[in-house]
Protein backbone atom coordinates (compact mmCIF):
# COMPACT_ATOMS: atom_id res chain seq x y z
CA MET A 1 98.82 92.09 100.52
CA ASP A 2 96.06 94.65 100.50
CA GLY A 3 92.97 92.47 100.77
CA PRO A 4 89.39 93.48 101.32
CA GLY A 5 88.90 94.54 104.91
CA ARG A 6 86.09 93.80 107.28
CA SER A 7 83.58 96.55 107.92
CA ALA A 8 80.10 97.11 109.26
CA ARG A 9 77.44 96.47 106.68
CA PRO A 10 76.01 99.70 105.25
CA LEU A 11 72.40 100.67 104.91
CA GLN A 12 71.30 99.82 101.42
CA ALA A 13 68.26 99.83 99.22
CA THR A 14 66.03 96.86 98.61
CA ARG A 15 66.59 96.85 94.84
CA ASP A 16 68.09 93.67 93.27
CA GLY A 17 67.51 91.61 96.38
CA PHE A 18 69.36 93.82 98.89
CA GLN A 19 67.69 94.33 102.25
CA PRO A 20 67.82 97.57 104.26
CA CYS A 21 69.51 97.70 107.63
CA LEU A 22 69.33 100.61 110.06
CA MET A 23 72.86 101.67 110.95
CA ASP A 24 71.97 102.67 114.50
CA THR A 25 70.68 99.19 115.36
CA GLY A 26 73.86 97.40 114.34
CA ALA A 27 71.80 94.52 112.95
CA PRO A 28 73.46 92.67 110.06
CA VAL A 29 71.91 92.82 106.62
CA PRO A 30 70.47 89.42 105.62
CA MET A 31 72.71 87.97 102.94
CA PRO A 32 70.98 87.95 99.53
CA HIS A 33 70.62 84.58 97.85
CA TRP A 34 72.95 85.46 95.00
CA GLU A 35 75.81 86.20 97.38
CA ARG A 36 75.23 83.03 99.38
CA ASN A 37 75.25 81.09 96.12
CA LEU A 38 78.47 82.83 95.12
CA VAL A 39 80.11 81.71 98.37
CA ILE A 40 78.96 78.14 97.73
CA VAL A 41 80.33 78.19 94.18
CA ALA A 42 83.63 79.67 95.36
CA LEU A 43 83.94 77.02 98.07
CA VAL A 44 83.26 74.22 95.55
CA VAL A 45 85.88 75.67 93.20
CA HIS A 46 88.33 75.91 96.10
CA VAL A 47 87.80 72.28 97.12
CA MET A 48 88.14 71.06 93.54
CA ASP A 49 91.23 73.14 92.88
CA VAL A 50 93.07 72.13 96.05
CA GLY A 51 91.98 68.51 95.69
CA LEU A 52 93.18 68.32 92.09
CA ASP A 53 96.50 69.93 93.01
CA LEU A 54 97.02 67.25 95.66
CA CYS A 55 96.08 64.52 93.15
CA VAL A 56 98.58 65.91 90.65
CA ALA A 57 101.30 65.94 93.31
CA ALA A 58 100.50 62.28 94.06
CA LEU A 59 100.61 61.57 90.31
CA PHE A 60 104.13 62.95 90.10
CA VAL A 61 105.19 60.75 93.01
CA ALA A 62 103.62 57.66 91.39
CA HIS A 63 105.64 58.27 88.21
CA ALA A 64 108.81 59.27 90.10
CA GLU A 65 108.78 62.74 88.55
CA TRP A 66 110.49 64.28 91.55
CA VAL A 67 111.28 67.67 90.02
CA PHE A 68 107.65 68.29 89.14
CA PHE A 69 106.57 66.91 92.51
CA LEU A 70 108.86 69.31 94.36
CA GLY A 71 107.53 72.16 92.27
CA ALA A 72 103.84 71.34 92.81
CA ALA A 73 104.26 70.42 96.49
CA GLY A 74 106.40 73.49 97.11
CA VAL A 75 103.68 75.76 95.69
CA ILE A 76 101.01 74.09 97.85
CA PHE A 77 103.15 74.30 100.98
CA TRP A 78 104.02 77.96 100.29
CA ALA A 79 100.39 78.96 99.71
CA TRP A 80 99.10 77.18 102.79
CA LEU A 81 101.93 78.53 104.95
CA VAL A 82 101.34 82.14 103.91
CA SER A 83 97.58 81.93 104.42
CA SER A 84 98.09 80.25 107.81
CA LEU A 85 100.49 82.95 108.94
CA TYR A 86 98.02 85.59 107.75
CA ILE A 87 95.18 84.03 109.73
CA SER A 88 97.18 83.33 112.88
CA PHE A 89 99.36 86.43 113.11
CA GLY A 90 98.26 88.91 110.46
CA GLY A 91 94.58 89.30 109.59
CA GLY A 92 93.32 87.02 112.33
CA ALA A 93 89.91 85.50 112.52
CA PRO A 94 86.92 87.82 112.31
CA THR A 95 85.22 88.67 115.54
CA GLY A 96 82.29 90.52 116.94
CA ASP A 97 79.71 90.77 114.19
CA ILE A 98 77.65 87.64 114.85
CA ASP A 99 77.39 84.79 117.29
CA THR A 100 78.46 81.58 115.57
CA ASP A 101 79.06 79.31 118.56
CA GLY A 102 82.74 79.99 118.85
CA LEU A 103 83.58 80.25 115.16
CA SER A 104 85.01 83.70 115.73
CA GLU A 105 87.83 82.31 117.85
CA ARG A 106 91.16 81.81 116.16
CA PRO A 107 91.94 78.17 115.42
CA SER A 108 95.43 76.83 115.93
CA PHE A 109 98.15 77.28 113.34
CA LEU A 110 97.97 73.60 112.36
CA LEU A 111 94.23 73.84 111.76
CA ASN A 112 94.78 76.95 109.66
CA PHE A 113 97.40 75.07 107.66
CA ALA A 114 94.87 72.28 107.08
CA GLN A 115 92.52 74.80 105.41
CA VAL A 116 89.98 74.70 108.24
CA GLN A 117 89.44 78.46 108.45
CA ILE A 118 88.11 78.87 104.93
CA PHE A 119 85.44 76.23 105.64
CA ALA A 120 84.59 77.97 108.91
CA GLU A 121 84.22 81.26 107.03
CA ALA A 122 82.04 79.65 104.37
CA TYR A 123 79.87 78.12 107.12
CA ARG A 124 79.59 81.54 108.77
CA CYS A 125 78.55 83.21 105.52
CA ILE A 126 76.07 80.55 104.40
CA PHE A 127 74.31 79.69 107.65
CA TYR A 128 74.76 82.90 109.69
CA SER A 129 74.75 85.49 106.88
CA GLY A 130 78.18 86.67 108.03
CA ASP A 131 80.36 89.19 106.25
CA THR A 132 81.93 87.59 103.17
CA ASP A 133 85.02 89.83 103.05
CA TYR A 134 87.26 87.50 105.05
CA PHE A 135 86.19 84.47 103.01
CA HIS A 136 86.98 86.32 99.79
CA THR A 137 90.40 87.29 101.15
CA LEU A 138 91.30 83.66 101.86
CA ARG A 139 90.05 82.62 98.42
CA LEU A 140 92.07 85.38 96.82
CA MET A 141 95.24 84.20 98.56
CA GLU A 142 94.68 80.62 97.43
CA ALA A 143 94.05 81.76 93.85
CA ILE A 144 97.17 83.88 93.42
CA LEU A 145 99.55 81.84 95.60
CA GLU A 146 98.53 78.31 94.62
CA SER A 147 96.24 78.15 91.59
CA ALA A 148 98.22 80.51 89.35
CA PRO A 149 101.72 79.02 89.86
CA ASN A 150 100.45 75.41 89.82
CA SER A 151 98.72 76.03 86.48
CA LEU A 152 102.16 76.88 85.07
CA VAL A 153 103.86 73.87 86.66
CA GLN A 154 101.18 71.52 85.36
CA LEU A 155 101.18 72.98 81.84
CA TYR A 156 104.96 72.65 81.81
CA ALA A 157 104.54 68.99 82.74
CA LEU A 158 102.04 68.57 79.91
CA VAL A 159 104.54 69.97 77.42
CA ILE A 160 107.66 68.00 78.34
CA TRP A 161 106.42 64.94 80.26
CA ALA A 162 102.78 63.86 79.83
CA ILE A 163 103.15 63.36 76.08
CA PRO A 164 100.44 61.17 74.51
CA GLY A 165 101.51 57.65 73.59
CA GLY A 166 100.72 55.42 76.56
CA ILE A 167 97.62 54.59 78.57
CA GLU A 168 99.14 55.76 81.87
CA LEU A 169 100.33 59.05 80.43
CA GLU A 170 96.98 59.58 78.70
CA HIS A 171 95.31 59.41 82.11
CA ALA A 172 98.02 61.69 83.53
CA ALA A 173 97.48 64.22 80.75
CA SER A 174 93.71 64.21 81.34
CA LEU A 175 94.18 64.86 85.06
CA LEU A 176 96.63 67.67 84.35
CA ARG A 177 94.25 69.32 81.86
CA ILE A 178 91.33 69.20 84.29
CA SER A 179 93.48 70.61 87.09
CA VAL A 180 94.79 73.41 84.87
CA LEU A 181 91.26 74.35 83.79
CA CYS A 182 90.10 74.43 87.40
CA SER A 183 93.08 76.65 88.29
CA PHE A 184 92.10 79.14 85.58
CA VAL A 185 88.54 79.27 86.95
CA SER A 186 89.86 79.67 90.49
CA VAL A 187 92.09 82.61 89.58
CA GLY A 188 89.42 84.36 87.52
CA LEU A 189 86.77 83.92 90.20
CA GLY A 190 89.05 84.92 93.07
CA LEU A 191 90.15 88.18 91.45
CA ALA A 192 86.63 89.00 90.23
CA MET A 193 85.20 88.52 93.71
CA TRP A 194 87.82 90.89 95.11
CA GLU A 195 86.85 93.39 92.42
CA GLN A 196 83.25 93.10 93.56
CA LYS A 197 84.02 93.49 97.26
CA VAL A 198 85.92 96.79 96.94
CA GLN A 199 83.01 98.57 95.25
CA PHE A 200 79.76 100.01 96.48
CA ARG A 201 78.01 99.63 93.15
CA THR A 202 78.87 96.85 90.76
CA SER A 203 76.87 94.95 88.18
CA SER A 204 76.84 91.20 87.76
CA GLY A 205 77.83 91.71 84.13
CA TYR A 206 80.94 93.62 85.15
CA VAL A 207 81.97 90.97 87.69
CA ALA A 208 81.44 88.22 85.11
CA ALA A 209 83.48 90.16 82.55
CA VAL A 210 86.32 90.59 85.06
CA ALA A 211 86.27 86.85 85.87
CA ILE A 212 86.47 85.93 82.18
CA MET A 213 89.18 88.51 81.49
CA ARG A 214 91.26 87.32 84.46
CA ALA A 215 90.89 83.68 83.39
CA PHE A 216 92.09 84.64 79.90
CA GLU A 217 94.99 86.55 81.46
CA ILE A 218 96.33 83.66 83.54
CA ALA A 219 95.67 81.15 80.73
CA ALA A 220 97.59 83.20 78.17
CA ARG A 221 100.48 83.84 80.55
CA SER A 222 100.83 80.26 81.83
CA ALA A 223 100.42 78.60 78.43
CA THR A 224 102.93 80.90 76.71
CA LEU A 225 105.48 80.39 79.49
CA ALA A 226 104.93 76.62 79.37
CA VAL A 227 105.51 76.43 75.60
CA PHE A 228 108.52 78.74 75.77
CA SER A 229 110.00 76.77 78.68
CA GLY A 230 109.38 73.46 76.95
CA LEU A 231 111.18 74.55 73.79
CA THR A 232 114.09 76.04 75.79
CA HIS A 233 114.24 73.20 78.34
CA PRO A 234 115.91 72.87 80.85
CA TYR A 235 116.99 76.47 81.49
CA GLY A 236 114.26 78.57 79.87
CA PHE A 237 111.71 78.04 82.64
CA PHE A 238 113.84 79.45 85.46
CA TRP A 239 115.49 82.22 83.46
CA SER A 240 112.17 83.52 82.09
CA LEU A 241 110.64 83.66 85.57
CA ALA A 242 113.74 85.27 87.09
CA ALA A 243 113.87 87.90 84.33
CA ASP A 244 110.19 88.76 84.74
CA TYR A 245 110.55 88.97 88.53
CA CYS A 246 113.35 91.52 88.09
CA ILE A 247 111.20 93.53 85.68
CA MET A 248 108.26 93.54 88.10
CA LEU A 249 110.53 94.58 90.96
CA PHE A 250 111.97 97.40 88.86
CA LEU A 251 108.46 98.67 88.02
CA ILE A 252 107.46 98.49 91.70
CA VAL A 253 110.51 100.48 92.79
CA ARG A 254 109.99 103.06 90.05
CA HIS A 255 106.30 103.52 90.83
CA GLN A 256 106.94 103.83 94.61
CA SER A 257 103.39 102.95 95.62
CA VAL A 258 104.49 100.30 98.15
CA GLN A 259 107.53 99.81 100.33
CA PHE A 260 110.47 97.92 98.88
CA THR A 261 110.22 95.05 101.39
CA TYR A 262 106.56 94.58 100.50
CA GLY A 263 107.47 94.85 96.83
CA LEU A 264 109.88 91.91 97.16
CA PHE A 265 106.93 89.76 98.17
CA VAL A 266 104.22 91.11 95.88
CA ALA A 267 106.48 90.83 92.80
CA LEU A 268 106.25 87.02 93.08
CA PRO A 269 102.56 86.62 92.12
CA LEU A 270 102.87 89.55 89.71
CA VAL A 271 105.07 87.30 87.57
CA LEU A 272 101.89 85.48 86.53
CA VAL A 273 98.93 87.81 87.09
CA SER A 274 98.19 91.39 88.08
CA LEU A 275 96.77 91.53 91.61
CA GLU A 276 95.01 94.79 92.39
CA PRO A 277 91.41 95.52 91.34
CA LEU A 278 91.16 97.42 88.09
CA VAL A 279 88.98 100.09 89.72
CA TRP A 280 91.83 101.23 91.96
CA ARG A 281 93.53 104.43 90.90
CA ARG A 282 96.81 104.16 89.00
CA GLU A 283 98.83 105.53 91.92
CA ASP A 284 97.42 102.83 94.24
CA HIS A 285 98.76 99.92 92.22
CA ALA A 286 102.07 98.26 93.03
CA VAL A 287 102.58 98.13 89.25
CA PRO A 288 100.21 100.32 87.19
CA LYS A 289 97.98 98.32 84.90
CA ASP A 290 99.09 100.17 81.76
CA SER A 291 102.76 99.41 82.45
CA TYR A 292 101.96 95.84 83.48
CA TYR A 293 100.02 94.92 80.34
CA LEU A 294 102.52 96.72 78.11
CA VAL A 295 105.27 94.51 79.56
CA ARG A 296 103.05 91.44 79.07
CA VAL A 297 102.50 92.25 75.38
CA ALA A 298 106.24 92.84 74.85
CA GLU A 299 107.13 89.56 76.58
CA PHE A 300 104.46 87.72 74.60
CA VAL A 301 105.96 88.95 71.32
CA VAL A 302 109.55 88.11 72.37
CA MET A 303 108.63 84.62 73.58
CA TRP A 304 106.66 83.86 70.46
CA MET A 305 109.60 84.92 68.30
CA VAL A 306 111.65 82.29 70.14
CA ILE A 307 108.82 79.74 69.89
CA ILE A 308 108.53 80.20 66.13
CA HIS A 309 112.31 79.94 65.77
CA LYS A 310 112.40 76.73 67.81
CA GLN A 311 109.29 75.24 66.20
CA GLY A 312 109.78 71.81 64.69
CA GLN A 313 112.64 70.74 66.98
CA GLN A 314 110.52 68.18 68.83
CA THR A 315 111.82 64.65 68.51
CA SER A 316 108.38 63.08 68.00
CA SER A 317 105.01 63.94 66.53
CA ALA A 318 103.40 63.27 69.92
CA ALA A 319 105.58 65.91 71.55
CA GLU A 320 104.77 68.33 68.75
CA SER A 321 101.04 67.68 69.26
CA SER A 322 101.34 68.37 72.99
CA VAL A 323 103.11 71.66 72.37
CA LEU A 324 100.59 72.60 69.69
CA GLY A 325 97.71 72.26 72.14
CA CYS A 326 99.36 74.71 74.55
CA GLU A 327 100.16 77.07 71.68
CA VAL A 328 96.50 77.16 70.63
CA LEU A 329 95.49 77.79 74.26
CA ALA A 330 98.01 80.63 74.56
CA LEU A 331 96.96 82.35 71.33
CA PHE A 332 93.21 82.11 71.90
CA SER A 333 93.56 83.20 75.52
CA MET A 334 95.60 86.24 74.53
CA LEU A 335 93.00 87.07 71.89
CA GLY A 336 90.27 86.77 74.53
CA LEU A 337 92.25 89.06 76.84
CA PHE A 338 92.61 91.69 74.10
CA ILE A 339 88.86 91.56 73.41
CA THR A 340 87.62 91.77 77.01
CA LEU A 341 90.25 94.10 78.53
CA PRO A 342 89.16 97.34 76.77
CA PHE A 343 85.54 96.99 77.94
CA VAL A 344 86.50 96.16 81.53
CA TRP A 345 89.11 98.92 81.54
CA ARG A 346 86.60 101.51 80.33
CA VAL A 347 84.08 100.75 83.08
CA ALA A 348 86.81 100.56 85.72
CA ARG A 349 88.14 104.00 84.78
CA GLN A 350 84.66 105.49 85.01
CA HIS A 351 84.31 104.24 88.58
CA GLU A 352 87.85 104.20 89.91
CA LEU A 353 88.31 104.10 93.68
CA CYS A 354 90.91 105.17 96.20
CA ARG A 355 92.08 102.29 98.39
CA ASP A 356 93.33 104.58 101.19
CA VAL A 357 90.22 106.25 102.61
CA ALA A 358 91.02 106.93 106.26
CA ASP A 359 87.50 107.10 107.68
CA TRP A 360 84.71 105.33 105.82
CA ALA A 361 82.07 106.48 108.32
CA GLU A 362 82.97 110.11 107.72
CA GLU A 363 82.90 109.65 103.97
CA ALA A 364 79.51 107.93 104.20
CA SER A 365 77.72 111.24 104.69
CA LYS A 366 78.44 112.43 101.15
CA GLU A 367 76.24 112.11 98.08
CA ALA A 368 76.43 108.82 96.14
CA MET A 369 76.95 108.58 92.40
CA ASN A 370 73.86 108.17 90.26
CA ASP A 371 75.04 105.95 87.39
CA ASP A 372 72.62 103.06 87.95
CA ALA A 373 72.86 101.96 84.33
CA LEU A 374 76.28 100.39 84.83
CA TYR A 375 76.32 99.59 88.54
CA SER A 376 73.94 98.15 91.08
CA GLU A 377 74.46 98.22 94.82
CA SER A 378 76.85 95.57 96.11
CA ASP A 379 76.16 94.18 99.55
CA GLY A 380 78.51 95.04 102.44
CA SER A 381 82.19 95.34 101.55
CA SER A 382 85.30 97.19 102.51
CA GLY A 383 84.86 99.37 99.47
CA ASP A 384 81.17 100.14 99.89
CA PHE A 385 81.61 103.54 98.33
CA ASP A 386 81.97 104.91 94.85
CA ARG A 387 85.05 106.61 93.46
CA HIS A 388 84.32 109.71 95.55
CA GLY A 389 83.95 107.67 98.74
CA ASP A 390 80.20 108.33 98.75
CA ARG A 391 77.27 106.30 100.05
CA ASP A 392 73.71 106.47 98.77
CA PHE A 393 71.17 107.52 101.40
CA ASP A 394 68.47 108.53 98.93
CA GLU A 395 66.51 105.33 99.45
CA LEU A 396 66.66 105.09 103.25
CA PRO A 397 63.42 103.83 104.77
CA PRO A 398 61.70 106.37 107.01
CA GLU A 399 62.23 105.93 110.74
């Protein structure tokens, strides 16, 4: 997965809370308060999301719902395993930029699996003003590998199991709803933070719009799949996911932006949400955004044709009420996606970036873009350049 990389912090202007840093000194830029607060919020969302997922898994065990338990626990195990392998053998722990009393050393695989590294990264960012790129990468992995698929599993459980009618199931339904809502926030925030980190100039309004749009995207997708799967139970859930995985894999192979072996992996999260930042060029996406959202609209229409045809087949009014709630969520979320996507898309196309710049330092000597109306400087990231790979030196303090 192409996550935000770690890079030296650039020299930036003091506007909007950013502090200058002379490149030849190598001194880190003090982290602005807004970014420290963003790390704190992201960590709180992470703890809540993971904690609620574990509570839901325990809920399934308590009610002997072993199929749902295996699904929820399997997603958690898969997400933690992948992130642990990434930390231990792939990305590794960050080193060299600050002294954090040994925090830069790689913890053991078991500690990685226990989610220790993301807390260490948050501690580094909050108390030592460390680079936030690695923290955002770990949050991104949790969002797309755990939050997104578990939101679908839990909505599916709401549709066919946690039907109102008993005190125990009422409590179960409430827990599932809270966990699903937290998953939507986690996915939206994780993808929006990645969008922010790959850009040199980005406005808080744009990042907020991306977070809302992404939350609508995962909500519409998960709710529609849950309703469709509930009305076509027990085979609709697996066949719909398998069919979409094949479609995503076909689009990846046709686009030829990534290798086939990588495409086999990246097609899994693409079943629920598009991964790459919107500001990346079309040729840099595993599946181009225009093709991806066109497929999503077509699938939405097909699934809703089936849903309307199957409507009214529930055996009880309680079951019908449970399905109706997910239907309302799916429709309003899709409407929200249609409203926010054009505005986000327009800004992203005006400032699109190349993900494959070979030498950022060499590109840094070019002239920066001057559209300050839409974008403000974003502190230290792997994409600290505009769509031409430029950096702004107009406001450098005199030596």
